[in-house]
């Protein structure tokens, strides 16, 4: 019974924190640094209890956790592009996410995109050009993979700056192995043998 009261008090605290976060508007509210570890602790307690009350408390806890995380995540993302330091208001888990996103943004801002080569006609080099074409064809066979696109994809740029797409669902394409791997893992394509 004592444990149930503690869980109810914790659920009330989460609700209050969610309200505090909402009322803070664009500011990120300071919350207990151990809130997420406590959420996980109480989730584990509730998962180990087979009672119906525990099931409903677990559902409520997960709903409040998601609500609080989404409220804070929206603000955290906005702050990552500003120069305002909010690290003192973040939990350890949020701070790690904040630092990782900041690093990715800085990496993106510093990314030096290679200029696109112009499409000037190549000089006629006779038989050497044919040999180069064969070599390129063999290299492409080794470095490319055939996949079938599962959903319509808009044009996009890969991390190395190469342009891909647009692709239509059902389209079969040969594409760089790394890009194919990403498309497959993301559920956008399937590998063909």
C-alpha atoms as a PDB file:
ATOM      1  CA  UNK A   1       0.000   0.000   0.000  1.00  0.00           C
ATOM      2  CA  UNK A   2       2.845   2.355   0.854  1.00  0.00           C
ATOM      3  CA  UNK A   3       4.418   1.664  -2.552  1.00  0.00           C
ATOM      4  CA  UNK A   4       1.116   2.478  -4.329  1.00  0.00           C
ATOM      5  CA  UNK A   5       0.956   5.825  -2.498  1.00  0.00           C
ATOM      6  CA  UNK A   6       4.528   6.627  -3.550  1.00  0.00           C
ATOM      7  CA  UNK A   7       3.666   5.816  -7.155  1.00  0.00           C
ATOM      8  CA  UNK A   8       0.541   7.996  -7.022  1.00  0.00           C
ATOM      9  CA  UNK A   9       2.588  10.855  -5.557  1.00  0.00           C
ATOM     10  CA  UNK A  10       5.143  10.412  -8.327  1.00  0.00           C
ATOM     11  CA  UNK A  11       2.395  10.442 -10.997  1.00  0.00           C
ATOM     12  CA  UNK A  12       1.104  13.697  -9.477  1.00  0.00           C
ATOM     13  CA  UNK A  13       4.633  15.130  -9.580  1.00  0.00           C
ATOM     14  CA  UNK A  14       4.948  14.218 -13.277  1.00  0.00           C
ATOM     15  CA  UNK A  15       1.635  15.901 -14.033  1.00  0.00           C
ATOM     16  CA  UNK A  16       2.784  19.048 -12.184  1.00  0.00           C
ATOM     17  CA  UNK A  17       6.098  19.040 -14.071  1.00  0.00           C
ATOM     18  CA  UNK A  18       4.235  18.749 -17.356  1.00  0.00           C
ATOM     19  CA  UNK A  19       2.030  21.716 -16.414  1.00  0.00           C
ATOM     20  CA  UNK A  20       5.114  23.676 -15.307  1.00  0.00           C
ATOM     21  CA  UNK A  21       6.803  22.918 -18.621  1.00  0.00           C
ATOM     22  CA  UNK A  22       3.725  23.995 -20.586  1.00  0.00           C
ATOM     23  CA  UNK A  23       3.389  27.236 -18.611  1.00  0.00           C
ATOM     24  CA  UNK A  24       7.069  28.052 -19.123  1.00  0.00           C
ATOM     25  CA  UNK A  25       6.173  28.610 -22.797  1.00  0.00           C
ATOM     26  CA  UNK A  26       9.490  29.038 -24.684  1.00  0.00           C
ATOM     27  CA  UNK A  27      11.665  28.626 -21.593  1.00  0.00           C
ATOM     28  CA  UNK A  28      12.782  25.185 -20.500  1.00  0.00           C
ATOM     29  CA  UNK A  29      11.809  24.534 -16.896  1.00  0.00           C
ATOM     30  CA  UNK A  30      14.227  23.177 -14.328  1.00  0.00           C
ATOM     31  CA  UNK A  31      13.186  19.696 -13.273  1.00  0.00           C
ATOM     32  CA  UNK A  32      14.750  17.172 -10.892  1.00  0.00           C
ATOM     33  CA  UNK A  33      17.963  15.799 -12.405  1.00  0.00           C
ATOM     34  CA  UNK A  34      16.942  12.234 -11.519  1.00  0.00           C
ATOM     35  CA  UNK A  35      13.426  12.382 -12.998  1.00  0.00           C
ATOM     36  CA  UNK A  36      14.066   9.921 -15.821  1.00  0.00           C
ATOM     37  CA  UNK A  37      15.856   7.399 -13.613  1.00  0.00           C
ATOM     38  CA  UNK A  38      12.903   7.628 -11.195  1.00  0.00           C
ATOM     39  CA  UNK A  39      10.483   7.120 -14.071  1.00  0.00           C
ATOM     40  CA  UNK A  40      12.381   3.988 -15.065  1.00  0.00           C
ATOM     41  CA  UNK A  41      12.464   2.782 -11.456  1.00  0.00           C
ATOM     42  CA  UNK A  42       8.696   3.150 -11.058  1.00  0.00           C
ATOM     43  CA  UNK A  43       8.047   1.617 -14.473  1.00  0.00           C
ATOM     44  CA  UNK A  44      10.021  -1.448 -13.418  1.00  0.00           C
ATOM     45  CA  UNK A  45       8.093  -1.716 -10.135  1.00  0.00           C
ATOM     46  CA  UNK A  46       4.775  -1.489 -11.991  1.00  0.00           C
ATOM     47  CA  UNK A  47       5.834  -4.017 -14.625  1.00  0.00           C
ATOM     48  CA  UNK A  48       6.682  -6.526 -11.904  1.00  0.00           C
ATOM     49  CA  UNK A  49       3.249  -6.151 -10.278  1.00  0.00           C
ATOM     50  CA  UNK A  50       0.513  -8.087 -12.071  1.00  0.00           C
ATOM     51  CA  UNK A  51      -2.427  -6.143 -10.596  1.00  0.00           C
ATOM     52  CA  UNK A  52      -4.918  -4.216 -12.690  1.00  0.00           C
ATOM     53  CA  UNK A  53      -4.196  -1.001 -10.764  1.00  0.00           C
ATOM     54  CA  UNK A  54      -0.509  -1.365 -11.585  1.00  0.00           C
ATOM     55  CA  UNK A  55      -1.340  -1.830 -15.263  1.00  0.00           C
ATOM     56  CA  UNK A  56      -3.330   1.430 -15.339  1.00  0.00           C
ATOM     57  CA  UNK A  57      -0.672   3.261 -13.332  1.00  0.00           C
ATOM     58  CA  UNK A  58       1.965   2.038 -15.782  1.00  0.00           C
ATOM     59  CA  UNK A  59      -0.108   3.301 -18.718  1.00  0.00           C
ATOM     60  CA  UNK A  60      -0.503   6.680 -17.008  1.00  0.00           C
ATOM     61  CA  UNK A  61       3.199   6.840 -16.151  1.00  0.00           C
ATOM     62  CA  UNK A  62       4.247   6.094 -19.743  1.00  0.00           C
ATOM     63  CA  UNK A  63       1.773   8.660 -21.083  1.00  0.00           C
ATOM     64  CA  UNK A  64       3.046  11.364 -18.705  1.00  0.00           C
ATOM     65  CA  UNK A  65       6.664  10.450 -19.468  1.00  0.00           C
ATOM     66  CA  UNK A  66       6.095  10.811 -23.200  1.00  0.00           C
ATOM     67  CA  UNK A  67       4.226  14.092 -22.739  1.00  0.00           C
ATOM     68  CA  UNK A  68       7.004  15.584 -20.593  1.00  0.00           C
ATOM     69  CA  UNK A  69       9.761  14.355 -22.905  1.00  0.00           C
ATOM     70  CA  UNK A  70       8.061  15.756 -26.016  1.00  0.00           C
ATOM     71  CA  UNK A  71       7.446  19.136 -24.372  1.00  0.00           C
ATOM     72  CA  UNK A  72      11.075  19.383 -23.346  1.00  0.00           C
ATOM     73  CA  UNK A  73      12.429  17.970 -26.600  1.00  0.00           C
ATOM     74  CA  UNK A  74      10.689  20.671 -28.660  1.00  0.00           C
ATOM     75  CA  UNK A  75      12.330  23.367 -26.570  1.00  0.00           C
ATOM     76  CA  UNK A  76      15.673  21.578 -26.439  1.00  0.00           C
ATOM     77  CA  UNK A  77      15.767  21.434 -30.238  1.00  0.00           C
ATOM     78  CA  UNK A  78      15.090  25.163 -30.492  1.00  0.00           C
ATOM     79  CA  UNK A  79      17.866  25.941 -28.028  1.00  0.00           C
ATOM     80  CA  UNK A  80      20.419  23.806 -29.881  1.00  0.00           C
ATOM     81  CA  UNK A  81      20.554  26.377 -32.685  1.00  0.00           C
ATOM     82  CA  UNK A  82      20.902  29.332 -30.323  1.00  0.00           C
ATOM     83  CA  UNK A  83      23.851  30.502 -28.277  1.00  0.00           C
ATOM     84  CA  UNK A  84      21.878  30.372 -25.023  1.00  0.00           C
ATOM     85  CA  UNK A  85      23.298  27.849 -22.560  1.00  0.00           C
ATOM     86  CA  UNK A  86      20.550  25.748 -20.990  1.00  0.00           C
ATOM     87  CA  UNK A  87      22.737  22.883 -19.797  1.00  0.00           C
ATOM     88  CA  UNK A  88      22.088  23.712 -16.113  1.00  0.00           C
ATOM     89  CA  UNK A  89      18.346  23.120 -16.654  1.00  0.00           C
ATOM     90  CA  UNK A  90      18.753  19.703 -18.272  1.00  0.00           C
ATOM     91  CA  UNK A  91      18.853  16.222 -16.841  1.00  0.00           C
ATOM     92  CA  UNK A  92      21.929  14.116 -17.621  1.00  0.00           C
ATOM     93  CA  UNK A  93      20.014  12.286 -20.367  1.00  0.00           C
ATOM     94  CA  UNK A  94      18.825  15.542 -21.932  1.00  0.00           C
ATOM     95  CA  UNK A  95      22.290  17.086 -21.655  1.00  0.00           C
ATOM     96  CA  UNK A  96      23.824  14.187 -23.597  1.00  0.00           C
ATOM     97  CA  UNK A  97      21.155  14.574 -26.305  1.00  0.00           C
ATOM     98  CA  UNK A  98      21.634  18.364 -26.349  1.00  0.00           C
ATOM     99  CA  UNK A  99      25.412  18.026 -26.768  1.00  0.00           C
ATOM    100  CA  UNK A 100      25.062  15.363 -29.486  1.00  0.00           C
ATOM    101  CA  UNK A 101      22.594  17.477 -31.477  1.00  0.00           C
ATOM    102  CA  UNK A 102      24.764  20.598 -31.032  1.00  0.00           C
ATOM    103  CA  UNK A 103      27.773  18.660 -32.356  1.00  0.00           C
ATOM    104  CA  UNK A 104      25.779  17.451 -35.383  1.00  0.00           C
ATOM    105  CA  UNK A 105      24.569  20.966 -36.125  1.00  0.00           C
ATOM    106  CA  UNK A 106      28.111  22.349 -35.876  1.00  0.00           C
ATOM    107  CA  UNK A 107      29.365  19.559 -38.114  1.00  0.00           C
ATOM    108  CA  UNK A 108      26.638  20.392 -40.634  1.00  0.00           C
ATOM    109  CA  UNK A 109      27.443  24.104 -40.541  1.00  0.00           C
ATOM    110  CA  UNK A 110      31.131  23.412 -41.100  1.00  0.00           C
ATOM    111  CA  UNK A 111      30.509  20.866 -43.867  1.00  0.00           C
ATOM    112  CA  UNK A 112      32.332  21.983 -46.993  1.00  0.00           C
ATOM    113  CA  UNK A 113      30.202  20.900 -49.912  1.00  0.00           C
ATOM    114  CA  UNK A 114      32.154  19.994 -53.020  1.00  0.00           C
ATOM    115  CA  UNK A 115      31.262  21.996 -56.131  1.00  0.00           C
ATOM    116  CA  UNK A 116      29.220  20.136 -58.696  1.00  0.00           C
ATOM    117  CA  UNK A 117      31.292  19.216 -61.732  1.00  0.00           C
ATOM    118  CA  UNK A 118      30.246  20.954 -64.916  1.00  0.00           C
ATOM    119  CA  UNK A 119      28.977  18.807 -67.756  1.00  0.00           C
ATOM    120  CA  UNK A 120      31.469  19.834 -70.417  1.00  0.00           C
ATOM    121  CA  UNK A 121      31.963  17.271 -73.178  1.00  0.00           C
ATOM    122  CA  UNK A 122      35.017  15.081 -72.615  1.00  0.00           C
ATOM    123  CA  UNK A 123      37.882  15.053 -75.078  1.00  0.00           C
ATOM    124  CA  UNK A 124      37.969  12.080 -77.417  1.00  0.00           C
ATOM    125  CA  UNK A 125      40.673   9.778 -76.137  1.00  0.00           C
ATOM    126  CA  UNK A 126      39.906   6.861 -78.467  1.00  0.00           C
ATOM    127  CA  UNK A 127      40.429   3.346 -77.150  1.00  0.00           C
ATOM    128  CA  UNK A 128      41.557   4.533 -73.695  1.00  0.00           C
ATOM    129  CA  UNK A 129      38.050   5.909 -73.063  1.00  0.00           C
ATOM    130  CA  UNK A 130      36.523   2.501 -73.817  1.00  0.00           C
ATOM    131  CA  UNK A 131      38.925   0.889 -71.327  1.00  0.00           C
ATOM    132  CA  UNK A 132      37.969   3.475 -68.709  1.00  0.00           C
ATOM    133  CA  UNK A 133      34.268   2.771 -69.345  1.00  0.00           C
ATOM    134  CA  UNK A 134      34.830  -0.963 -68.824  1.00  0.00           C
ATOM    135  CA  UNK A 135      36.811  -0.298 -65.649  1.00  0.00           C
ATOM    136  CA  UNK A 136      34.080   2.012 -64.369  1.00  0.00           C
ATOM    137  CA  UNK A 137      31.433  -0.581 -65.213  1.00  0.00           C
ATOM    138  CA  UNK A 138      33.324  -3.301 -63.306  1.00  0.00           C
ATOM    139  CA  UNK A 139      33.969  -0.946 -60.368  1.00  0.00           C
ATOM    140  CA  UNK A 140      30.254  -0.031 -60.272  1.00  0.00           C
ATOM    141  CA  UNK A 141      29.293  -3.704 -60.190  1.00  0.00           C
ATOM    142  CA  UNK A 142      31.508  -4.170 -57.120  1.00  0.00           C
ATOM    143  CA  UNK A 143      30.606  -0.906 -55.346  1.00  0.00           C
ATOM    144  CA  UNK A 144      26.892  -0.727 -56.219  1.00  0.00           C
ATOM    145  CA  UNK A 145      23.924  -2.757 -55.120  1.00  0.00           C
ATOM    146  CA  UNK A 146      20.575  -3.397 -56.775  1.00  0.00           C
ATOM    147  CA  UNK A 147      17.547  -2.500 -54.650  1.00  0.00           C
ATOM    148  CA  UNK A 148      13.826  -2.078 -55.129  1.00  0.00           C
ATOM    149  CA  UNK A 149      12.354   1.134 -53.765  1.00  0.00           C
ATOM    150  CA  UNK A 150       9.377   0.448 -51.457  1.00  0.00           C
ATOM    151  CA  UNK A 151       7.905   3.963 -51.148  1.00  0.00           C
ATOM    152  CA  UNK A 152       8.011   7.162 -53.184  1.00  0.00           C
ATOM    153  CA  UNK A 153      11.111   9.164 -52.211  1.00  0.00           C
ATOM    154  CA  UNK A 154      11.767  12.803 -52.967  1.00  0.00           C
ATOM    155  CA  UNK A 155      15.172  13.943 -54.191  1.00  0.00           C
ATOM    156  CA  UNK A 156      17.691  14.025 -51.330  1.00  0.00           C
ATOM    157  CA  UNK A 157      21.408  14.449 -50.658  1.00  0.00           C
ATOM    158  CA  UNK A 158      23.504  11.828 -48.911  1.00  0.00           C
ATOM    159  CA  UNK A 159      25.932  12.675 -46.148  1.00  0.00           C
ATOM    160  CA  UNK A 160      28.770  12.932 -48.688  1.00  0.00           C
ATOM    161  CA  UNK A 161      26.818  15.480 -50.742  1.00  0.00           C
ATOM    162  CA  UNK A 162      25.682  13.203 -53.598  1.00  0.00           C
ATOM    163  CA  UNK A 163      22.204  13.797 -54.993  1.00  0.00           C
ATOM    164  CA  UNK A 164      19.807  10.830 -55.179  1.00  0.00           C
ATOM    165  CA  UNK A 165      16.236  10.458 -56.377  1.00  0.00           C
ATOM    166  CA  UNK A 166      13.492  11.108 -56.793  1.00  0.00           C
ATOM    167  CA  UNK A 167      12.441   7.444 -56.791  1.00  0.00           C
ATOM    168  CA  UNK A 168       9.028   5.857 -57.266  1.00  0.00           C
ATOM    169  CA  UNK A 169       7.743   2.885 -55.256  1.00  0.00           C
ATOM    170  CA  UNK A 170       8.547  -0.342 -57.111  1.00  0.00           C
ATOM    171  CA  UNK A 171      11.457   1.205 -59.027  1.00  0.00           C
ATOM    172  CA  UNK A 172      14.568  -0.979 -59.275  1.00  0.00           C
ATOM    173  CA  UNK A 173      17.853   0.897 -59.085  1.00  0.00           C
ATOM    174  CA  UNK A 174      21.593   0.310 -58.820  1.00  0.00           C
ATOM    175  CA  UNK A 175      23.023   2.493 -56.097  1.00  0.00           C
ATOM    176  CA  UNK A 176      26.158   2.889 -54.000  1.00  0.00           C
ATOM    177  CA  UNK A 177      26.410   0.064 -51.410  1.00  0.00           C
ATOM    178  CA  UNK A 178      26.466   2.447 -48.443  1.00  0.00           C
ATOM    179  CA  UNK A 179      23.422   4.330 -49.689  1.00  0.00           C
ATOM    180  CA  UNK A 180      21.653   1.020 -50.415  1.00  0.00           C
ATOM    181  CA  UNK A 181      22.391  -0.137 -46.876  1.00  0.00           C
ATOM    182  CA  UNK A 182      20.877   3.067 -45.461  1.00  0.00           C
ATOM    183  CA  UNK A 183      17.776   2.774 -47.668  1.00  0.00           C
ATOM    184  CA  UNK A 184      17.266  -0.863 -46.638  1.00  0.00           C
ATOM    185  CA  UNK A 185      17.799  -0.217 -42.922  1.00  0.00           C
ATOM    186  CA  UNK A 186      15.406   2.732 -43.070  1.00  0.00           C
ATOM    187  CA  UNK A 187      12.709   0.567 -44.653  1.00  0.00           C
ATOM    188  CA  UNK A 188      12.719   2.536 -47.914  1.00  0.00           C
ATOM    189  CA  UNK A 189      14.080  -0.264 -50.103  1.00  0.00           C
ATOM    190  CA  UNK A 190      14.753  -3.981 -50.223  1.00  0.00           C
ATOM    191  CA  UNK A 191      17.822  -5.736 -51.571  1.00  0.00           C
ATOM    192  CA  UNK A 192      17.574  -7.654 -54.834  1.00  0.00           C
ATOM    193  CA  UNK A 193      19.981 -10.449 -55.708  1.00  0.00           C
END
